[in-house]
Amino acid sequence: QQNIIACPDRFRTIKKPRQAGMTTAFAIEALIDALTYDNYVICIISPTKRQSDRMMRYIKKSFRNINFP
């Protein structure tokens, strides 16, 4: 997961098993980008609204767990 988040490539192809924590990794990556860059827009695109809602829940959960100084 750390290697995926640290990868600077714009597009990535990932071979992974189910339940590998990639939704969490991508949610954290989206949150990091949103907090790091000014005027940054993140679009969550999934085949279903249910999947997009799930990703948004992961992003919100990650944001709540940040300890700002």
PDB file of N, CA and C in Angstrom:
ATOM      1  N   GLN A   1       0.820  -1.178   0.000  1.00  0.00           N
ATOM      2  CA  GLN A   1       0.000   0.000   0.000  1.00  0.00           C
ATOM      3  C   GLN A   1       0.873   1.254   0.000  1.00  0.00           C
ATOM      4  N   GLN A   2       1.946   1.250   0.774  1.00  0.00           N
ATOM      5  CA  GLN A   2       2.823   2.412   0.823  1.00  0.00           C
ATOM      6  C   GLN A   2       3.476   2.653  -0.532  1.00  0.00           C
ATOM      7  N   ASN A   3       3.853   1.584  -1.220  1.00  0.00           N
ATOM      8  CA  ASN A   3       4.461   1.731  -2.543  1.00  0.00           C
ATOM      9  C   ASN A   3       3.474   2.301  -3.549  1.00  0.00           C
ATOM     10  N   ILE A   4       2.208   1.923  -3.440  1.00  0.00           N
ATOM     11  CA  ILE A   4       1.183   2.449  -4.345  1.00  0.00           C
ATOM     12  C   ILE A   4       0.997   3.941  -4.104  1.00  0.00           C
ATOM     13  N   ILE A   5       0.903   4.351  -2.859  1.00  0.00           N
ATOM     14  CA  ILE A   5       0.707   5.767  -2.534  1.00  0.00           C
ATOM     15  C   ILE A   5       1.928   6.584  -2.946  1.00  0.00           C
ATOM     16  N   ALA A   6       3.114   6.028  -2.782  1.00  0.00           N
ATOM     17  CA  ALA A   6       4.354   6.759  -3.099  1.00  0.00           C
ATOM     18  C   ALA A   6       4.652   6.801  -4.589  1.00  0.00           C
ATOM     19  N   CYS A   7       4.000   5.999  -5.383  1.00  0.00           N
ATOM     20  CA  CYS A   7       4.264   5.941  -6.821  1.00  0.00           C
ATOM     21  C   CYS A   7       3.874   7.265  -7.486  1.00  0.00           C
ATOM     22  N   PRO A   8       4.819   7.903  -8.195  1.00  0.00           N
ATOM     23  CA  PRO A   8       4.532   9.201  -8.806  1.00  0.00           C
ATOM     24  C   PRO A   8       3.805   9.117 -10.153  1.00  0.00           C
ATOM     25  N   ASP A   9       3.614   7.924 -10.689  1.00  0.00           N
ATOM     26  CA  ASP A   9       2.986   7.769 -12.002  1.00  0.00           C
ATOM     27  C   ASP A   9       1.533   8.208 -11.961  1.00  0.00           C
ATOM     28  N   ARG A  10       1.098   8.785 -13.068  1.00  0.00           N
ATOM     29  CA  ARG A  10      -0.290   9.244 -13.146  1.00  0.00           C
ATOM     30  C   ARG A  10      -1.264   8.076 -13.251  1.00  0.00           C
ATOM     31  N   PHE A  11      -0.882   7.045 -13.995  1.00  0.00           N
ATOM     32  CA  PHE A  11      -1.711   5.856 -14.155  1.00  0.00           C
ATOM     33  C   PHE A  11      -0.935   4.653 -13.651  1.00  0.00           C
ATOM     34  N   ARG A  12      -1.634   3.772 -12.952  1.00  0.00           N
ATOM     35  CA  ARG A  12      -0.999   2.577 -12.407  1.00  0.00           C
ATOM     36  C   ARG A  12      -1.862   1.364 -12.682  1.00  0.00           C
ATOM     37  N   THR A  13      -1.237   0.264 -12.993  1.00  0.00           N
ATOM     38  CA  THR A  13      -1.919  -1.009 -13.131  1.00  0.00           C
ATOM     39  C   THR A  13      -1.495  -1.859 -11.954  1.00  0.00           C
ATOM     40  N   ILE A  14      -2.468  -2.359 -11.219  1.00  0.00           N
ATOM     41  CA  ILE A  14      -2.171  -3.073  -9.988  1.00  0.00           C
ATOM     42  C   ILE A  14      -2.826  -4.447 -10.026  1.00  0.00           C
ATOM     43  N   LYS A  15      -2.019  -5.465  -9.781  1.00  0.00           N
ATOM     44  CA  LYS A  15      -2.544  -6.819  -9.644  1.00  0.00           C
ATOM     45  C   LYS A  15      -2.597  -7.105  -8.147  1.00  0.00           C
ATOM     46  N   LYS A  16      -3.802  -7.380  -7.643  1.00  0.00           N
ATOM     47  CA  LYS A  16      -3.957  -7.552  -6.206  1.00  0.00           C
ATOM     48  C   LYS A  16      -5.078  -8.534  -5.917  1.00  0.00           C
ATOM     49  N   PRO A  17      -5.024  -9.157  -4.748  1.00  0.00           N
ATOM     50  CA  PRO A  17      -6.137 -10.017  -4.360  1.00  0.00           C
ATOM     51  C   PRO A  17      -7.266  -9.188  -3.752  1.00  0.00           C
ATOM     52  N   ARG A  18      -8.386  -9.831  -3.524  1.00  0.00           N
ATOM     53  CA  ARG A  18      -9.484  -9.152  -2.824  1.00  0.00           C
ATOM     54  C   ARG A  18      -9.084  -8.930  -1.373  1.00  0.00           C
ATOM     55  N   GLN A  19      -9.707  -7.944  -0.752  1.00  0.00           N
ATOM     56  CA  GLN A  19      -9.493  -7.651   0.664  1.00  0.00           C
ATOM     57  C   GLN A  19      -8.031  -7.318   0.973  1.00  0.00           C
ATOM     58  N   ALA A  20      -7.358  -6.612   0.051  1.00  0.00           N
ATOM     59  CA  ALA A  20      -5.949  -6.262   0.245  1.00  0.00           C
ATOM     60  C   ALA A  20      -5.773  -4.861   0.815  1.00  0.00           C
ATOM     61  N   GLY A  21      -6.870  -4.155   1.069  1.00  0.00           N
ATOM     62  CA  GLY A  21      -6.773  -2.827   1.658  1.00  0.00           C
ATOM     63  C   GLY A  21      -6.520  -1.714   0.653  1.00  0.00           C
ATOM     64  N   MET A  22      -6.770  -1.961  -0.609  1.00  0.00           N
ATOM     65  CA  MET A  22      -6.483  -0.946  -1.621  1.00  0.00           C
ATOM     66  C   MET A  22      -7.485   0.205  -1.569  1.00  0.00           C
ATOM     67  N   THR A  23      -8.716  -0.043  -1.184  1.00  0.00           N
ATOM     68  CA  THR A  23      -9.676   1.050  -1.058  1.00  0.00           C
ATOM     69  C   THR A  23      -9.178   2.038  -0.012  1.00  0.00           C
ATOM     70  N   THR A  24      -8.686   1.527   1.093  1.00  0.00           N
ATOM     71  CA  THR A  24      -8.131   2.392   2.129  1.00  0.00           C
ATOM     72  C   THR A  24      -6.917   3.141   1.610  1.00  0.00           C
ATOM     73  N   ALA A  25      -6.044   2.461   0.889  1.00  0.00           N
ATOM     74  CA  ALA A  25      -4.836   3.106   0.353  1.00  0.00           C
ATOM     75  C   ALA A  25      -5.205   4.230  -0.616  1.00  0.00           C
ATOM     76  N   PHE A  26      -6.154   3.978  -1.497  1.00  0.00           N
ATOM     77  CA  PHE A  26      -6.549   5.014  -2.454  1.00  0.00           C
ATOM     78  C   PHE A  26      -7.282   6.157  -1.770  1.00  0.00           C
ATOM     79  N   ALA A  27      -8.046   5.862  -0.732  1.00  0.00           N
ATOM     80  CA  ALA A  27      -8.721   6.922   0.014  1.00  0.00           C
ATOM     81  C   ALA A  27      -7.689   7.822   0.693  1.00  0.00           C
ATOM     82  N   ILE A  28      -6.677   7.227   1.294  1.00  0.00           N
ATOM     83  CA  ILE A  28      -5.620   8.007   1.943  1.00  0.00           C
ATOM     84  C   ILE A  28      -4.848   8.825   0.913  1.00  0.00           C
ATOM     85  N   GLU A  29      -4.573   8.229  -0.239  1.00  0.00           N
ATOM     86  CA  GLU A  29      -3.877   8.960  -1.295  1.00  0.00           C
ATOM     87  C   GLU A  29      -4.693  10.169  -1.762  1.00  0.00           C
ATOM     88  N   ALA A  30      -5.988   9.989  -1.956  1.00  0.00           N
ATOM     89  CA  ALA A  30      -6.852  11.096  -2.379  1.00  0.00           C
ATOM     90  C   ALA A  30      -6.872  12.194  -1.329  1.00  0.00           C
ATOM     91  N   LEU A  31      -6.934  11.806  -0.065  1.00  0.00           N
ATOM     92  CA  LEU A  31      -6.943  12.779   1.021  1.00  0.00           C
ATOM     93  C   LEU A  31      -5.621  13.542   1.090  1.00  0.00           C
ATOM     94  N   ILE A  32      -4.515  12.840   0.955  1.00  0.00           N
ATOM     95  CA  ILE A  32      -3.196  13.491   0.964  1.00  0.00           C
ATOM     96  C   ILE A  32      -3.108  14.517  -0.163  1.00  0.00           C
ATOM     97  N   ASP A  33      -3.529  14.129  -1.352  1.00  0.00           N
ATOM     98  CA  ASP A  33      -3.485  15.052  -2.494  1.00  0.00           C
ATOM     99  C   ASP A  33      -4.381  16.263  -2.264  1.00  0.00           C
ATOM    100  N   ALA A  34      -5.569  16.037  -1.721  1.00  0.00           N
ATOM    101  CA  ALA A  34      -6.503  17.141  -1.491  1.00  0.00           C
ATOM    102  C   ALA A  34      -5.957  18.120  -0.456  1.00  0.00           C
ATOM    103  N   LEU A  35      -5.253  17.619   0.548  1.00  0.00           N
ATOM    104  CA  LEU A  35      -4.701  18.493   1.584  1.00  0.00           C
ATOM    105  C   LEU A  35      -3.386  19.148   1.169  1.00  0.00           C
ATOM    106  N   THR A  36      -2.688  18.552   0.216  1.00  0.00           N
ATOM    107  CA  THR A  36      -1.369  19.032  -0.191  1.00  0.00           C
ATOM    108  C   THR A  36      -1.437  20.119  -1.255  1.00  0.00           C
ATOM    109  N   TYR A  37      -2.321  19.966  -2.217  1.00  0.00           N
ATOM    110  CA  TYR A  37      -2.359  20.867  -3.377  1.00  0.00           C
ATOM    111  C   TYR A  37      -3.517  21.852  -3.277  1.00  0.00           C
ATOM    112  N   ASP A  38      -3.249  23.116  -3.633  1.00  0.00           N
ATOM    113  CA  ASP A  38      -4.301  24.129  -3.680  1.00  0.00           C
ATOM    114  C   ASP A  38      -5.198  23.885  -4.891  1.00  0.00           C
ATOM    115  N   ASN A  39      -6.473  24.171  -4.736  1.00  0.00           N
ATOM    116  CA  ASN A  39      -7.450  24.056  -5.826  1.00  0.00           C
ATOM    117  C   ASN A  39      -7.409  22.680  -6.489  1.00  0.00           C
ATOM    118  N   TYR A  40      -7.295  21.658  -5.686  1.00  0.00           N
ATOM    119  CA  TYR A  40      -7.211  20.289  -6.183  1.00  0.00           C
ATOM    120  C   TYR A  40      -8.595  19.656  -6.119  1.00  0.00           C
ATOM    121  N   VAL A  41      -9.016  19.056  -7.204  1.00  0.00           N
ATOM    122  CA  VAL A  41     -10.334  18.425  -7.267  1.00  0.00           C
ATOM    123  C   VAL A  41     -10.148  16.915  -7.381  1.00  0.00           C
ATOM    124  N   ILE A  42     -10.867  16.192  -6.556  1.00  0.00           N
ATOM    125  CA  ILE A  42     -10.820  14.736  -6.603  1.00  0.00           C
ATOM    126  C   ILE A  42     -12.175  14.238  -7.073  1.00  0.00           C
ATOM    127  N   CYS A  43     -12.172  13.448  -8.122  1.00  0.00           N
ATOM    128  CA  CYS A  43     -13.410  12.843  -8.622  1.00  0.00           C
ATOM    129  C   CYS A  43     -13.383  11.361  -8.270  1.00  0.00           C
ATOM    130  N   ILE A  44     -14.417  10.906  -7.618  1.00  0.00           N
ATOM    131  CA  ILE A  44     -14.539   9.492  -7.284  1.00  0.00           C
ATOM    132  C   ILE A  44     -15.478   8.879  -8.312  1.00  0.00           C
ATOM    133  N   ILE A  45     -14.909   8.032  -9.154  1.00  0.00           N
ATOM    134  CA  ILE A  45     -15.679   7.429 -10.236  1.00  0.00           C
ATOM    135  C   ILE A  45     -15.657   5.920 -10.046  1.00  0.00           C
ATOM    136  N   SER A  46     -16.826   5.335  -9.973  1.00  0.00           N
ATOM    137  CA  SER A  46     -16.964   3.899  -9.789  1.00  0.00           C
ATOM    138  C   SER A  46     -18.115   3.406 -10.646  1.00  0.00           C
ATOM    139  N   PRO A  47     -18.142   2.097 -10.882  1.00  0.00           N
ATOM    140  CA  PRO A  47     -19.251   1.558 -11.674  1.00  0.00           C
ATOM    141  C   PRO A  47     -20.617   1.776 -11.023  1.00  0.00           C
ATOM    142  N   THR A  48     -20.636   1.846  -9.684  1.00  0.00           N
ATOM    143  CA  THR A  48     -21.915   2.039  -8.999  1.00  0.00           C
ATOM    144  C   THR A  48     -21.788   3.147  -7.959  1.00  0.00           C
ATOM    145  N   LYS A  49     -22.916   3.750  -7.621  1.00  0.00           N
ATOM    146  CA  LYS A  49     -22.938   4.781  -6.578  1.00  0.00           C
ATOM    147  C   LYS A  49     -22.529   4.182  -5.242  1.00  0.00           C
ATOM    148  N   ARG A  50     -22.903   2.938  -5.008  1.00  0.00           N
ATOM    149  CA  ARG A  50     -22.552   2.263  -3.758  1.00  0.00           C
ATOM    150  C   ARG A  50     -21.037   2.219  -3.569  1.00  0.00           C
ATOM    151  N   GLN A  51     -20.296   1.939  -4.628  1.00  0.00           N
ATOM    152  CA  GLN A  51     -18.836   1.891  -4.540  1.00  0.00           C
ATOM    153  C   GLN A  51     -18.259   3.283  -4.291  1.00  0.00           C
ATOM    154  N   SER A  52     -18.807   4.295  -4.950  1.00  0.00           N
ATOM    155  CA  SER A  52     -18.346   5.671  -4.730  1.00  0.00           C
ATOM    156  C   SER A  52     -18.636   6.109  -3.302  1.00  0.00           C
ATOM    157  N   ASP A  53     -19.810   5.757  -2.792  1.00  0.00           N
ATOM    158  CA  ASP A  53     -20.162   6.092  -1.408  1.00  0.00           C
ATOM    159  C   ASP A  53     -19.208   5.426  -0.425  1.00  0.00           C
ATOM    160  N   ARG A  54     -18.845   4.187  -0.712  1.00  0.00           N
ATOM    161  CA  ARG A  54     -17.911   3.472   0.158  1.00  0.00           C
ATOM    162  C   ARG A  54     -16.559   4.175   0.187  1.00  0.00           C
ATOM    163  N   MET A  55     -16.074   4.580  -0.975  1.00  0.00           N
ATOM    164  CA  MET A  55     -14.788   5.289  -1.044  1.00  0.00           C
ATOM    165  C   MET A  55     -14.867   6.593  -0.262  1.00  0.00           C
ATOM    166  N   MET A  56     -15.968   7.305  -0.383  1.00  0.00           N
ATOM    167  CA  MET A  56     -16.128   8.562   0.349  1.00  0.00           C
ATOM    168  C   MET A  56     -16.129   8.326   1.849  1.00  0.00           C
ATOM    169  N   ARG A  57     -16.739   7.242   2.289  1.00  0.00           N
ATOM    170  CA  ARG A  57     -16.702   6.898   3.723  1.00  0.00           C
ATOM    171  C   ARG A  57     -15.269   6.663   4.192  1.00  0.00           C
ATOM    172  N   TYR A  58     -14.461   5.994   3.385  1.00  0.00           N
ATOM    173  CA  TYR A  58     -13.060   5.752   3.736  1.00  0.00           C
ATOM    174  C   TYR A  58     -12.282   7.068   3.805  1.00  0.00           C
ATOM    175  N   ILE A  59     -12.547   7.971   2.879  1.00  0.00           N
ATOM    176  CA  ILE A  59     -11.862   9.269   2.879  1.00  0.00           C
ATOM    177  C   ILE A  59     -12.243  10.046   4.136  1.00  0.00           C
ATOM    178  N   LYS A  60     -13.531  10.087   4.450  1.00  0.00           N
ATOM    179  CA  LYS A  60     -13.986  10.813   5.648  1.00  0.00           C
ATOM    180  C   LYS A  60     -13.404  10.198   6.914  1.00  0.00           C
ATOM    181  N   LYS A  61     -13.363   8.880   6.984  1.00  0.00           N
ATOM    182  CA  LYS A  61     -12.803   8.203   8.151  1.00  0.00           C
ATOM    183  C   LYS A  61     -11.316   8.542   8.305  1.00  0.00           C
ATOM    184  N   SER A  62     -10.585   8.551   7.204  1.00  0.00           N
ATOM    185  CA  SER A  62      -9.161   8.896   7.254  1.00  0.00           C
ATOM    186  C   SER A  62      -8.979  10.334   7.712  1.00  0.00           C
ATOM    187  N   PHE A  63      -9.824  11.237   7.228  1.00  0.00           N
ATOM    188  CA  PHE A  63      -9.727  12.648   7.611  1.00  0.00           C
ATOM    189  C   PHE A  63      -9.990  12.827   9.108  1.00  0.00           C
ATOM    190  N   ARG A  64     -10.972  12.118   9.628  1.00  0.00           N
ATOM    191  CA  ARG A  64     -11.280  12.217  11.061  1.00  0.00           C
ATOM    192  C   ARG A  64     -10.136  11.701  11.934  1.00  0.00           C
ATOM    193  N   ASN A  65      -9.325  10.792  11.400  1.00  0.00           N
ATOM    194  CA  ASN A  65      -8.229  10.212  12.177  1.00  0.00           C
ATOM    195  C   ASN A  65      -6.941  11.025  12.129  1.00  0.00           C
ATOM    196  N   ILE A  66      -6.939  12.127  11.383  1.00  0.00           N
ATOM    197  CA  ILE A  66      -5.749  12.971  11.325  1.00  0.00           C
ATOM    198  C   ILE A  66      -5.680  13.818  12.596  1.00  0.00           C
ATOM    199  N   ASN A  67      -4.515  13.876  13.196  1.00  0.00           N
ATOM    200  CA  ASN A  67      -4.297  14.714  14.375  1.00  0.00           C
ATOM    201  C   ASN A  67      -3.600  15.988  13.952  1.00  0.00           C
ATOM    202  N   PHE A  68      -4.374  17.042  13.717  1.00  0.00           N
ATOM    203  CA  PHE A  68      -3.789  18.320  13.316  1.00  0.00           C
ATOM    204  C   PHE A  68      -3.153  18.973  14.530  1.00  0.00           C
ATOM    205  N   PRO A  69      -1.977  19.619  14.337  1.00  0.00           N
ATOM    206  CA  PRO A  69      -1.312  20.280  15.481  1.00  0.00           C
ATOM    207  C   PRO A  69      -2.074  21.495  15.958  1.00  0.00           C
TER     208      PRO A  69
END
